[in-house]
mmCIF file of all heavy atoms, coordinates in Angstrom:
data_MODEL
# 
_entry.id   MODEL 
# 
loop_
_atom_site.group_PDB 
_atom_site.id 
_atom_site.type_symbol 
_atom_site.label_atom_id 
_atom_site.label_alt_id 
_atom_site.label_comp_id 
_atom_site.label_asym_id 
_atom_site.label_entity_id 
_atom_site.label_seq_id 
_atom_site.pdbx_PDB_ins_code 
_atom_site.Cartn_x 
_atom_site.Cartn_y 
_atom_site.Cartn_z 
_atom_site.occupancy 
_atom_site.B_iso_or_equiv 
_atom_site.pdbx_formal_charge 
_atom_site.auth_seq_id 
_atom_site.auth_comp_id 
_atom_site.auth_asym_id 
_atom_site.auth_atom_id 
_atom_site.pdbx_PDB_model_num 
ATOM 1   N N   . GLY A 1 1  ? 109.772 90.757  94.206  1.00 0.00 ? 1  GLY A N   1 
ATOM 2   C CA  . GLY A 1 1  ? 108.481 91.425  94.118  1.00 0.00 ? 1  GLY A CA  1 
ATOM 3   C C   . GLY A 1 1  ? 108.339 92.730  94.864  1.00 0.00 ? 1  GLY A C   1 
ATOM 4   O O   . GLY A 1 1  ? 108.917 92.915  95.931  1.00 0.00 ? 1  GLY A O   1 
ATOM 5   N N   . VAL A 1 2  ? 107.523 93.624  94.279  1.00 0.00 ? 2  VAL A N   1 
ATOM 6   C CA  . VAL A 1 2  ? 107.273 94.921  94.911  1.00 0.00 ? 2  VAL A CA  1 
ATOM 7   C C   . VAL A 1 2  ? 105.860 95.402  94.598  1.00 0.00 ? 2  VAL A C   1 
ATOM 8   O O   . VAL A 1 2  ? 105.329 95.147  93.516  1.00 0.00 ? 2  VAL A O   1 
ATOM 9   C CB  . VAL A 1 2  ? 108.295 95.987  94.440  1.00 0.00 ? 2  VAL A CB  1 
ATOM 10  C CG1 . VAL A 1 2  ? 108.136 96.303  92.961  1.00 0.00 ? 2  VAL A CG1 1 
ATOM 11  C CG2 . VAL A 1 2  ? 108.191 97.246  95.274  1.00 0.00 ? 2  VAL A CG2 1 
ATOM 12  N N   . ARG A 1 3  ? 105.283 96.078  95.585  1.00 0.00 ? 3  ARG A N   1 
ATOM 13  C CA  . ARG A 1 3  ? 104.051 96.845  95.389  1.00 0.00 ? 3  ARG A CA  1 
ATOM 14  C C   . ARG A 1 3  ? 104.252 98.177  96.096  1.00 0.00 ? 3  ARG A C   1 
ATOM 15  O O   . ARG A 1 3  ? 104.708 98.218  97.237  1.00 0.00 ? 3  ARG A O   1 
ATOM 16  C CB  . ARG A 1 3  ? 102.842 96.130  95.990  1.00 0.00 ? 3  ARG A CB  1 
ATOM 17  C CG  . ARG A 1 3  ? 102.444 94.878  95.243  1.00 0.00 ? 3  ARG A CG  1 
ATOM 18  C CD  . ARG A 1 3  ? 101.148 94.307  95.826  1.00 0.00 ? 3  ARG A CD  1 
ATOM 19  N NE  . ARG A 1 3  ? 100.832 93.057  95.179  1.00 0.00 ? 3  ARG A NE  1 
ATOM 20  C CZ  . ARG A 1 3  ? 100.665 91.892  95.808  1.00 0.00 ? 3  ARG A CZ  1 
ATOM 21  N NH1 . ARG A 1 3  ? 100.789 91.825  97.129  1.00 0.00 ? 3  ARG A NH1 1 
ATOM 22  N NH2 . ARG A 1 3  ? 100.362 90.799  95.155  1.00 0.00 ? 3  ARG A NH2 1 
ATOM 23  N N   . VAL A 1 4  ? 103.901 99.254  95.413  1.00 0.00 ? 4  VAL A N   1 
ATOM 24  C CA  . VAL A 1 4  ? 103.996 100.600 95.999  1.00 0.00 ? 4  VAL A CA  1 
ATOM 25  C C   . VAL A 1 4  ? 102.607 101.223 95.964  1.00 0.00 ? 4  VAL A C   1 
ATOM 26  O O   . VAL A 1 4  ? 101.948 101.215 94.917  1.00 0.00 ? 4  VAL A O   1 
ATOM 27  C CB  . VAL A 1 4  ? 105.005 101.486 95.233  1.00 0.00 ? 4  VAL A CB  1 
ATOM 28  C CG1 . VAL A 1 4  ? 105.012 102.904 95.795  1.00 0.00 ? 4  VAL A CG1 1 
ATOM 29  C CG2 . VAL A 1 4  ? 106.401 100.873 95.284  1.00 0.00 ? 4  VAL A CG2 1 
ATOM 30  N N   . TYR A 1 5  ? 102.183 101.719 97.111  1.00 0.00 ? 5  TYR A N   1 
ATOM 31  C CA  . TYR A 1 5  ? 100.882 102.371 97.258  1.00 0.00 ? 5  TYR A CA  1 
ATOM 32  C C   . TYR A 1 5  ? 101.093 103.807 97.700  1.00 0.00 ? 5  TYR A C   1 
ATOM 33  O O   . TYR A 1 5  ? 101.977 104.089 98.518  1.00 0.00 ? 5  TYR A O   1 
ATOM 34  C CB  . TYR A 1 5  ? 100.059 101.685 98.343  1.00 0.00 ? 5  TYR A CB  1 
ATOM 35  C CG  . TYR A 1 5  ? 99.768  100.228 98.121  1.00 0.00 ? 5  TYR A CG  1 
ATOM 36  C CD1 . TYR A 1 5  ? 100.697 99.251  98.476  1.00 0.00 ? 5  TYR A CD1 1 
ATOM 37  C CD2 . TYR A 1 5  ? 98.549  99.821  97.590  1.00 0.00 ? 5  TYR A CD2 1 
ATOM 38  C CE1 . TYR A 1 5  ? 100.425 97.906  98.296  1.00 0.00 ? 5  TYR A CE1 1 
ATOM 39  C CE2 . TYR A 1 5  ? 98.264  98.465  97.410  1.00 0.00 ? 5  TYR A CE2 1 
ATOM 40  C CZ  . TYR A 1 5  ? 99.206  97.518  97.767  1.00 0.00 ? 5  TYR A CZ  1 
ATOM 41  O OH  . TYR A 1 5  ? 98.933  96.187  97.598  1.00 0.00 ? 5  TYR A OH  1 
ATOM 42  N N   . VAL A 1 6  ? 100.248 104.704 97.206  1.00 0.00 ? 6  VAL A N   1 
ATOM 43  C CA  . VAL A 1 6  ? 100.204 106.073 97.703  1.00 0.00 ? 6  VAL A CA  1 
ATOM 44  C C   . VAL A 1 6  ? 98.756  106.341 98.104  1.00 0.00 ? 6  VAL A C   1 
ATOM 45  O O   . VAL A 1 6  ? 97.846  106.196 97.273  1.00 0.00 ? 6  VAL A O   1 
ATOM 46  C CB  . VAL A 1 6  ? 100.691 107.080 96.642  1.00 0.00 ? 6  VAL A CB  1 
ATOM 47  C CG1 . VAL A 1 6  ? 100.566 108.509 97.166  1.00 0.00 ? 6  VAL A CG1 1 
ATOM 48  C CG2 . VAL A 1 6  ? 102.138 106.784 96.241  1.00 0.00 ? 6  VAL A CG2 1 
ATOM 49  N N   . ASP A 1 7  ? 98.561  106.674 99.360  1.00 0.00 ? 7  ASP A N   1 
ATOM 50  C CA  . ASP A 1 7  ? 97.219  106.892 99.925  1.00 0.00 ? 7  ASP A CA  1 
ATOM 51  C C   . ASP A 1 7  ? 96.303  105.702 99.655  1.00 0.00 ? 7  ASP A C   1 
ATOM 52  O O   . ASP A 1 7  ? 95.116  105.866 99.353  1.00 0.00 ? 7  ASP A O   1 
ATOM 53  C CB  . ASP A 1 7  ? 96.612  108.188 99.381  1.00 0.00 ? 7  ASP A CB  1 
ATOM 54  C CG  . ASP A 1 7  ? 97.370  109.414 99.845  1.00 0.00 ? 7  ASP A CG  1 
ATOM 55  O OD1 . ASP A 1 7  ? 97.939  109.378 100.961 1.00 0.00 ? 7  ASP A OD1 1 
ATOM 56  O OD2 . ASP A 1 7  ? 97.412  110.410 99.105  1.00 0.00 ? 7  ASP A OD2 1 
ATOM 57  N N   . GLY A 1 8  ? 96.851  104.491 99.719  1.00 0.00 ? 8  GLY A N   1 
ATOM 58  C CA  . GLY A 1 8  ? 96.064  103.283 99.537  1.00 0.00 ? 8  GLY A CA  1 
ATOM 59  C C   . GLY A 1 8  ? 95.839  102.866 98.099  1.00 0.00 ? 8  GLY A C   1 
ATOM 60  O O   . GLY A 1 8  ? 95.335  101.783 97.830  1.00 0.00 ? 8  GLY A O   1 
ATOM 61  N N   . ALA A 1 9  ? 96.226  103.710 97.141  1.00 0.00 ? 9  ALA A N   1 
ATOM 62  C CA  . ALA A 1 9  ? 96.066  103.385 95.719  1.00 0.00 ? 9  ALA A CA  1 
ATOM 63  C C   . ALA A 1 9  ? 97.336  102.705 95.205  1.00 0.00 ? 9  ALA A C   1 
ATOM 64  O O   . ALA A 1 9  ? 98.443  103.223 95.396  1.00 0.00 ? 9  ALA A O   1 
ATOM 65  C CB  . ALA A 1 9  ? 95.784  104.647 94.912  1.00 0.00 ? 9  ALA A CB  1 
ATOM 66  N N   . LEU A 1 10 ? 97.164  101.559 94.562  1.00 0.00 ? 10 LEU A N   1 
ATOM 67  C CA  . LEU A 1 10 ? 98.295  100.806 94.017  1.00 0.00 ? 10 LEU A CA  1 
ATOM 68  C C   . LEU A 1 10 ? 98.911  101.566 92.854  1.00 0.00 ? 10 LEU A C   1 
ATOM 69  O O   . LEU A 1 10 ? 98.232  101.886 91.882  1.00 0.00 ? 10 LEU A O   1 
ATOM 70  C CB  . LEU A 1 10 ? 97.823  99.422  93.565  1.00 0.00 ? 10 LEU A CB  1 
ATOM 71  C CG  . LEU A 1 10 ? 98.878  98.456  93.070  1.00 0.00 ? 10 LEU A CG  1 
ATOM 72  C CD1 . LEU A 1 10 ? 99.930  98.178  94.134  1.00 0.00 ? 10 LEU A CD1 1 
ATOM 73  C CD2 . LEU A 1 10 ? 98.214  97.154  92.621  1.00 0.00 ? 10 LEU A CD2 1 
ATOM 74  N N   . LEU A 1 11 ? 100.205 101.879 92.968  1.00 0.00 ? 11 LEU A N   1 
ATOM 75  C CA  . LEU A 1 11 ? 100.896 102.656 91.945  1.00 0.00 ? 11 LEU A CA  1 
ATOM 76  C C   . LEU A 1 11 ? 101.840 101.780 91.122  1.00 0.00 ? 11 LEU A C   1 
ATOM 77  O O   . LEU A 1 11 ? 101.929 101.923 89.905  1.00 0.00 ? 11 LEU A O   1 
ATOM 78  C CB  . LEU A 1 11 ? 101.669 103.789 92.629  1.00 0.00 ? 11 LEU A CB  1 
ATOM 79  C CG  . LEU A 1 11 ? 102.255 104.871 91.753  1.00 0.00 ? 11 LEU A CG  1 
ATOM 80  C CD1 . LEU A 1 11 ? 101.181 105.604 90.970  1.00 0.00 ? 11 LEU A CD1 1 
ATOM 81  C CD2 . LEU A 1 11 ? 103.048 105.857 92.606  1.00 0.00 ? 11 LEU A CD2 1 
ATOM 82  N N   . ILE A 1 12 ? 102.569 100.887 91.764  1.00 0.00 ? 12 ILE A N   1 
ATOM 83  C CA  . ILE A 1 12 ? 103.481 99.958  91.086  1.00 0.00 ? 12 ILE A CA  1 
ATOM 84  C C   . ILE A 1 12 ? 103.146 98.561  91.591  1.00 0.00 ? 12 ILE A C   1 
ATOM 85  O O   . ILE A 1 12 ? 103.100 98.335  92.799  1.00 0.00 ? 12 ILE A O   1 
ATOM 86  C CB  . ILE A 1 12 ? 104.955 100.304 91.357  1.00 0.00 ? 12 ILE A CB  1 
ATOM 87  C CG1 . ILE A 1 12 ? 105.298 101.698 90.810  1.00 0.00 ? 12 ILE A CG1 1 
ATOM 88  C CG2 . ILE A 1 12 ? 105.884 99.242  90.753  1.00 0.00 ? 12 ILE A CG2 1 
ATOM 89  C CD1 . ILE A 1 12 ? 106.670 102.211 91.204  1.00 0.00 ? 12 ILE A CD1 1 
ATOM 90  N N   . ASP A 1 13 ? 102.940 97.620  90.658  1.00 0.00 ? 13 ASP A N   1 
ATOM 91  C CA  . ASP A 1 13 ? 102.564 96.258  91.020  1.00 0.00 ? 13 ASP A CA  1 
ATOM 92  C C   . ASP A 1 13 ? 103.389 95.276  90.192  1.00 0.00 ? 13 ASP A C   1 
ATOM 93  O O   . ASP A 1 13 ? 103.023 94.933  89.073  1.00 0.00 ? 13 ASP A O   1 
ATOM 94  C CB  . ASP A 1 13 ? 101.071 96.036  90.777  1.00 0.00 ? 13 ASP A CB  1 
ATOM 95  C CG  . ASP A 1 13 ? 100.595 94.666  91.243  1.00 0.00 ? 13 ASP A CG  1 
ATOM 96  O OD1 . ASP A 1 13 ? 101.354 93.960  91.942  1.00 0.00 ? 13 ASP A OD1 1 
ATOM 97  O OD2 . ASP A 1 13 ? 99.450  94.309  90.911  1.00 0.00 ? 13 ASP A OD2 1 
ATOM 98  N N   . LYS A 1 14 ? 104.517 94.849  90.735  1.00 0.00 ? 14 LYS A N   1 
ATOM 99  C CA  . LYS A 1 14 ? 105.407 93.890  90.073  1.00 0.00 ? 14 LYS A CA  1 
ATOM 100 C C   . LYS A 1 14 ? 105.737 92.781  91.059  1.00 0.00 ? 14 LYS A C   1 
ATOM 101 O O   . LYS A 1 14 ? 106.873 92.616  91.488  1.00 0.00 ? 14 LYS A O   1 
ATOM 102 C CB  . LYS A 1 14 ? 106.678 94.590  89.563  1.00 0.00 ? 14 LYS A CB  1 
ATOM 103 C CG  . LYS A 1 14 ? 106.403 95.629  88.496  1.00 0.00 ? 14 LYS A CG  1 
ATOM 104 C CD  . LYS A 1 14 ? 105.802 95.001  87.261  1.00 0.00 ? 14 LYS A CD  1 
ATOM 105 C CE  . LYS A 1 14 ? 105.540 96.037  86.180  1.00 0.00 ? 14 LYS A CE  1 
ATOM 106 N NZ  . LYS A 1 14 ? 104.941 95.448  84.992  1.00 0.00 ? 14 LYS A NZ  1 
ATOM 107 N N   . TRP A 1 15 ? 104.732 92.026  91.473  1.00 0.00 ? 15 TRP A N   1 
ATOM 108 C CA  . TRP A 1 15 ? 104.848 90.975  92.477  1.00 0.00 ? 15 TRP A CA  1 
ATOM 109 C C   . TRP A 1 15 ? 105.297 89.697  91.779  1.00 0.00 ? 15 TRP A C   1 
ATOM 110 O O   . TRP A 1 15 ? 104.543 88.734  91.650  1.00 0.00 ? 15 TRP A O   1 
ATOM 111 C CB  . TRP A 1 15 ? 103.511 90.808  93.187  1.00 0.00 ? 15 TRP A CB  1 
ATOM 112 C CG  . TRP A 1 15 ? 103.602 90.207  94.551  1.00 0.00 ? 15 TRP A CG  1 
ATOM 113 C CD1 . TRP A 1 15 ? 103.182 88.957  94.911  1.00 0.00 ? 15 TRP A CD1 1 
ATOM 114 C CD2 . TRP A 1 15 ? 104.131 90.807  95.730  1.00 0.00 ? 15 TRP A CD2 1 
ATOM 115 N NE1 . TRP A 1 15 ? 103.425 88.751  96.250  1.00 0.00 ? 15 TRP A NE1 1 
ATOM 116 C CE2 . TRP A 1 15 ? 104.002 89.884  96.778  1.00 0.00 ? 15 TRP A CE2 1 
ATOM 117 C CE3 . TRP A 1 15 ? 104.717 92.055  96.006  1.00 0.00 ? 15 TRP A CE3 1 
ATOM 118 C CZ2 . TRP A 1 15 ? 104.425 90.137  98.073  1.00 0.00 ? 15 TRP A CZ2 1 
ATOM 119 C CZ3 . TRP A 1 15 ? 105.127 92.312  97.298  1.00 0.00 ? 15 TRP A CZ3 1 
ATOM 120 C CH2 . TRP A 1 15 ? 104.986 91.364  98.313  1.00 0.00 ? 15 TRP A CH2 1 
ATOM 121 N N   . ILE A 1 16 ? 106.559 89.703  91.304  1.00 0.00 ? 16 ILE A N   1 
ATOM 122 C CA  . ILE A 1 16 ? 107.092 88.597  90.498  1.00 0.00 ? 16 ILE A CA  1 
ATOM 123 C C   . ILE A 1 16 ? 108.543 88.335  90.884  1.00 0.00 ? 16 ILE A C   1 
ATOM 124 O O   . ILE A 1 16 ? 109.232 89.230  91.382  1.00 0.00 ? 16 ILE A O   1 
ATOM 125 C CB  . ILE A 1 16 ? 107.024 88.915  88.982  1.00 0.00 ? 16 ILE A CB  1 
ATOM 126 C CG1 . ILE A 1 16 ? 107.761 90.229  88.664  1.00 0.00 ? 16 ILE A CG1 1 
ATOM 127 C CG2 . ILE A 1 16 ? 105.582 88.976  88.507  1.00 0.00 ? 16 ILE A CG2 1 
ATOM 128 C CD1 . ILE A 1 16 ? 107.866 90.575  87.191  1.00 0.00 ? 16 ILE A CD1 1 
ATOM 129 N N   . ASN A 1 17 ? 109.011 87.118  90.635  1.00 0.00 ? 17 ASN A N   1 
ATOM 130 C CA  . ASN A 1 17 ? 110.438 86.819  90.779  1.00 0.00 ? 17 ASN A CA  1 
ATOM 131 C C   . ASN A 1 17 ? 111.166 87.474  89.610  1.00 0.00 ? 17 ASN A C   1 
ATOM 132 O O   . ASN A 1 17 ? 110.752 87.315  88.457  1.00 0.00 ? 17 ASN A O   1 
ATOM 133 C CB  . ASN A 1 17 ? 110.690 85.314  90.765  1.00 0.00 ? 17 ASN A CB  1 
ATOM 134 C CG  . ASN A 1 17 ? 110.169 84.623  92.002  1.00 0.00 ? 17 ASN A CG  1 
ATOM 135 O OD1 . ASN A 1 17 ? 109.828 85.254  92.991  1.00 0.00 ? 17 ASN A OD1 1 
ATOM 136 N ND2 . ASN A 1 17 ? 110.095 83.309  91.950  1.00 0.00 ? 17 ASN A ND2 1 
ATOM 137 N N   . GLN A 1 18 ? 112.238 88.201  89.919  1.00 0.00 ? 18 GLN A N   1 
ATOM 138 C CA  . GLN A 1 18 ? 112.978 88.906  88.875  1.00 0.00 ? 18 GLN A CA  1 
ATOM 139 C C   . GLN A 1 18 ? 114.340 89.312  89.404  1.00 0.00 ? 18 GLN A C   1 
ATOM 140 O O   . GLN A 1 18 ? 114.540 89.421  90.602  1.00 0.00 ? 18 GLN A O   1 
ATOM 141 C CB  . GLN A 1 18 ? 112.208 90.151  88.427  1.00 0.00 ? 18 GLN A CB  1 
ATOM 142 C CG  . GLN A 1 18 ? 111.977 91.143  89.561  1.00 0.00 ? 18 GLN A CG  1 
ATOM 143 C CD  . GLN A 1 18 ? 111.026 92.250  89.193  1.00 0.00 ? 18 GLN A CD  1 
ATOM 144 O OE1 . GLN A 1 18 ? 110.996 92.697  88.054  1.00 0.00 ? 18 GLN A OE1 1 
ATOM 145 N NE2 . GLN A 1 18 ? 110.231 92.703  90.151  1.00 0.00 ? 18 GLN A NE2 1 
ATOM 146 N N   . SER A 1 19 ? 115.259 89.537  88.478  1.00 0.00 ? 19 SER A N   1 
ATOM 147 C CA  . SER A 1 19 ? 116.540 90.107  88.874  1.00 0.00 ? 19 SER A CA  1 
ATOM 148 C C   . SER A 1 19 ? 116.318 91.596  89.146  1.00 0.00 ? 19 SER A C   1 
ATOM 149 O O   . SER A 1 19 ? 115.235 92.132  88.900  1.00 0.00 ? 19 SER A O   1 
ATOM 150 C CB  . SER A 1 19 ? 117.579 89.887  87.773  1.00 0.00 ? 19 SER A CB  1 
ATOM 151 O OG  . SER A 1 19 ? 117.141 90.485  86.574  1.00 0.00 ? 19 SER A OG  1 
ATOM 152 N N   . SER A 1 20 ? 117.336 92.277  89.624  1.00 0.00 ? 20 SER A N   1 
ATOM 153 C CA  . SER A 1 20 ? 117.214 93.685  89.990  1.00 0.00 ? 20 SER A CA  1 
ATOM 154 C C   . SER A 1 20 ? 116.678 94.504  88.809  1.00 0.00 ? 20 SER A C   1 
ATOM 155 O O   . SER A 1 20 ? 117.284 94.544  87.747  1.00 0.00 ? 20 SER A O   1 
ATOM 156 C CB  . SER A 1 20 ? 118.566 94.225  90.445  1.00 0.00 ? 20 SER A CB  1 
ATOM 157 O OG  . SER A 1 20 ? 118.410 95.536  90.921  1.00 0.00 ? 20 SER A OG  1 
ATOM 158 N N   . THR A 1 21 ? 115.518 95.137  89.024  1.00 0.00 ? 21 THR A N   1 
ATOM 159 C CA  . THR A 1 21 ? 114.822 95.878  87.979  1.00 0.00 ? 21 THR A CA  1 
ATOM 160 C C   . THR A 1 21 ? 114.301 97.181  88.572  1.00 0.00 ? 21 THR A C   1 
ATOM 161 O O   . THR A 1 21 ? 113.883 97.219  89.730  1.00 0.00 ? 21 THR A O   1 
ATOM 162 C CB  . THR A 1 21 ? 113.639 95.047  87.436  1.00 0.00 ? 21 THR A CB  1 
ATOM 163 O OG1 . THR A 1 21 ? 114.123 93.764  87.026  1.00 0.00 ? 21 THR A OG1 1 
ATOM 164 C CG2 . THR A 1 21 ? 112.983 95.720  86.253  1.00 0.00 ? 21 THR A CG2 1 
ATOM 165 N N   . THR A 1 22 ? 114.298 98.238  87.755  1.00 0.00 ? 22 THR A N   1 
ATOM 166 C CA  . THR A 1 22 ? 113.802 99.539  88.188  1.00 0.00 ? 22 THR A CA  1 
ATOM 167 C C   . THR A 1 22 ? 112.476 99.849  87.501  1.00 0.00 ? 22 THR A C   1 
ATOM 168 O O   . THR A 1 22 ? 112.332 99.640  86.302  1.00 0.00 ? 22 THR A O   1 
ATOM 169 C CB  . THR A 1 22 ? 114.827 100.643 87.869  1.00 0.00 ? 22 THR A CB  1 
ATOM 170 O OG1 . THR A 1 22 ? 116.032 100.358 88.585  1.00 0.00 ? 22 THR A OG1 1 
ATOM 171 C CG2 . THR A 1 22 ? 114.320 102.022 88.259  1.00 0.00 ? 22 THR A CG2 1 
ATOM 172 N N   . TYR A 1 23 ? 111.532 100.362 88.287  1.00 0.00 ? 23 TYR A N   1 
ATOM 173 C CA  . TYR A 1 23 ? 110.221 100.765 87.776  1.00 0.00 ? 23 TYR A CA  1 
ATOM 174 C C   . TYR A 1 23 ? 109.934 102.191 88.230  1.00 0.00 ? 23 TYR A C   1 
ATOM 175 O O   . TYR A 1 23 ? 110.363 102.597 89.310  1.00 0.00 ? 23 TYR A O   1 
ATOM 176 C CB  . TYR A 1 23 ? 109.115 99.856  88.338  1.00 0.00 ? 23 TYR A CB  1 
ATOM 177 C CG  . TYR A 1 23 ? 109.266 98.417  87.945  1.00 0.00 ? 23 TYR A CG  1 
ATOM 178 C CD1 . TYR A 1 23 ? 109.806 97.494  88.836  1.00 0.00 ? 23 TYR A CD1 1 
ATOM 179 C CD2 . TYR A 1 23 ? 108.898 97.976  86.678  1.00 0.00 ? 23 TYR A CD2 1 
ATOM 180 C CE1 . TYR A 1 23 ? 109.951 96.160  88.479  1.00 0.00 ? 23 TYR A CE1 1 
ATOM 181 C CE2 . TYR A 1 23 ? 109.052 96.644  86.312  1.00 0.00 ? 23 TYR A CE2 1 
ATOM 182 C CZ  . TYR A 1 23 ? 109.578 95.746  87.216  1.00 0.00 ? 23 TYR A CZ  1 
ATOM 183 O OH  . TYR A 1 23 ? 109.736 94.436  86.860  1.00 0.00 ? 23 TYR A OH  1 
ATOM 184 N N   . THR A 1 24 ? 109.195 102.922 87.395  1.00 0.00 ? 24 THR A N   1 
ATOM 185 C CA  . THR A 1 24 ? 108.780 104.274 87.760  1.00 0.00 ? 24 THR A CA  1 
ATOM 186 C C   . THR A 1 24 ? 107.287 104.441 87.480  1.00 0.00 ? 24 THR A C   1 
ATOM 187 O O   . THR A 1 24 ? 106.732 103.783 86.602  1.00 0.00 ? 24 THR A O   1 
ATOM 188 C CB  . THR A 1 24 ? 109.553 105.357 86.981  1.00 0.00 ? 24 THR A CB  1 
ATOM 189 O OG1 . THR A 1 24 ? 109.298 105.200 85.586  1.00 0.00 ? 24 THR A OG1 1 
ATOM 190 C CG2 . THR A 1 24 ? 111.039 105.286 87.249  1.00 0.00 ? 24 THR A CG2 1 
ATOM 191 N N   . ALA A 1 25 ? 106.678 105.330 88.221  1.00 0.00 ? 25 ALA A N   1 
ATOM 192 C CA  . ALA A 1 25 ? 105.285 105.705 88.008  1.00 0.00 ? 25 ALA A CA  1 
ATOM 193 C C   . ALA A 1 25 ? 105.093 107.111 88.553  1.00 0.00 ? 25 ALA A C   1 
ATOM 194 O O   . ALA A 1 25 ? 105.738 107.494 89.526  1.00 0.00 ? 25 ALA A O   1 
ATOM 195 C CB  . ALA A 1 25 ? 104.339 104.730 88.706  1.00 0.00 ? 25 ALA A CB  1 
# 
């Protein structure tokens, strides 16, 4: 799982069990 925030705003939200995966935003 991953969550990425910029200035407190959620940009990437993939809080799941998964194999190695790439996300962009």
